[in-house]
Protein backbone atom coordinates (compact mmCIF):
# COMPACT_ATOMS: atom_id res chain seq x y z
CA MET A 1 26.29 -42.87 33.87
CA THR A 2 23.37 -40.47 33.49
CA LYS A 3 23.55 -37.06 31.86
CA GLU A 4 23.01 -35.39 35.23
CA GLU A 5 26.01 -37.21 36.68
CA ILE A 6 28.11 -36.24 33.67
CA ILE A 7 27.15 -32.58 34.04
CA LYS A 8 27.91 -32.73 37.76
CA TYR A 9 31.37 -34.17 37.07
CA VAL A 10 32.07 -31.59 34.35
CA PHE A 11 31.24 -28.67 36.67
CA LYS A 12 33.28 -30.22 39.47
CA PHE A 13 36.15 -30.73 37.07
CA PHE A 14 36.16 -27.13 35.83
CA LYS A 15 36.03 -25.81 39.38
CA GLU A 16 39.14 -27.79 40.27
CA TYR A 17 41.18 -27.61 37.08
CA VAL A 18 41.90 -25.38 34.15
CA MET A 19 42.94 -27.15 30.99
CA ASN A 20 43.10 -26.88 27.22
CA SER A 21 40.72 -28.66 24.86
CA GLU A 22 43.02 -31.65 24.22
CA ASP A 23 43.23 -32.37 27.94
CA PHE A 24 39.48 -32.01 28.23
CA GLN A 25 38.92 -34.47 25.38
CA GLU A 26 41.22 -36.97 27.09
CA TRP A 27 39.37 -36.51 30.38
CA LEU A 28 36.02 -37.13 28.69
CA LYS A 29 37.39 -40.35 27.18
CA LYS A 30 38.68 -41.41 30.58
CA ILE A 31 35.25 -41.11 32.21
CA GLY A 32 33.59 -42.80 29.23
CA VAL A 33 31.82 -39.90 27.54
CA LYS A 34 31.97 -39.29 23.81
CA ALA A 35 32.02 -35.59 22.97
CA GLU A 36 30.39 -36.32 19.63
CA ASP A 37 27.38 -37.80 21.43
CA LEU A 38 27.05 -34.73 23.63
CA THR A 39 27.30 -32.47 20.59
CA ARG A 40 24.77 -34.52 18.66
CA ASP A 41 22.33 -34.48 21.59
CA ALA A 42 22.65 -30.71 21.97
CA TYR A 43 22.11 -30.19 18.22
CA GLU A 44 19.03 -32.44 18.23
CA LYS A 45 17.56 -30.48 21.15
CA LEU A 46 18.22 -27.23 19.28
CA LYS A 47 16.47 -28.55 16.18
CA ALA A 48 13.50 -29.70 18.26
CA GLU A 49 13.16 -26.27 19.88
CA LYS A 50 13.44 -24.54 16.50
CA ALA A 51 10.72 -26.78 15.11
CA LYS A 52 8.34 -25.53 17.79
CA MET A 53 8.50 -21.95 16.46
CA ASP A 54 7.51 -20.70 13.05
CA THR A 55 9.84 -18.57 10.94
CA GLU A 56 8.22 -15.25 11.84
CA THR A 57 8.44 -15.98 15.57
CA ARG A 58 12.12 -16.93 15.28
CA ARG A 59 12.83 -13.67 13.44
CA LYS A 60 11.08 -11.64 16.13
CA CYS A 61 12.97 -13.55 18.80
CA ARG A 62 16.31 -12.85 17.09
CA LEU A 63 15.47 -9.17 16.80
CA PHE A 64 14.54 -9.03 20.49
CA TRP A 65 17.75 -10.71 21.67
CA ALA A 66 19.91 -8.65 19.30
CA THR A 67 18.37 -5.48 20.76
CA VAL A 68 18.88 -6.73 24.31
CA SER A 69 22.51 -7.59 23.52
CA VAL A 70 23.26 -4.15 22.06
CA VAL A 71 21.59 -2.31 24.95
CA THR A 72 23.37 -4.36 27.61
CA PHE A 73 26.67 -3.91 25.79
CA PHE A 74 26.34 -0.14 25.93
CA ILE A 75 25.21 -0.27 29.55
CA GLY A 76 28.34 -2.29 30.31
CA LEU A 77 30.52 0.20 28.45
CA GLY A 78 28.95 3.07 30.40
CA LEU A 79 29.38 1.37 33.76
CA GLY A 80 32.91 0.35 32.89
CA HIS A 81 33.76 3.93 31.96
CA LEU A 82 32.11 5.21 35.12
CA PHE A 83 33.95 2.87 37.50
CA PHE A 84 37.27 2.33 35.74
């Protein structure tokens, strides 16, 4: 089973069902996927992407996304107040 097939099944699953984390873990075991492997793969990809940027660039990137988050939060508050 390829990663693309796994992702396809996960999206299909969430569209059809709503469940808690224990049920989800059981479902992953049933289709033959280890959650630890998925977590490890995601963490390795994160580390690889972080290694591409130097410390100063990562700091600037964090500052940019923090600013974007704060601005969009206040825009959401304003629109929510306006419409509700």
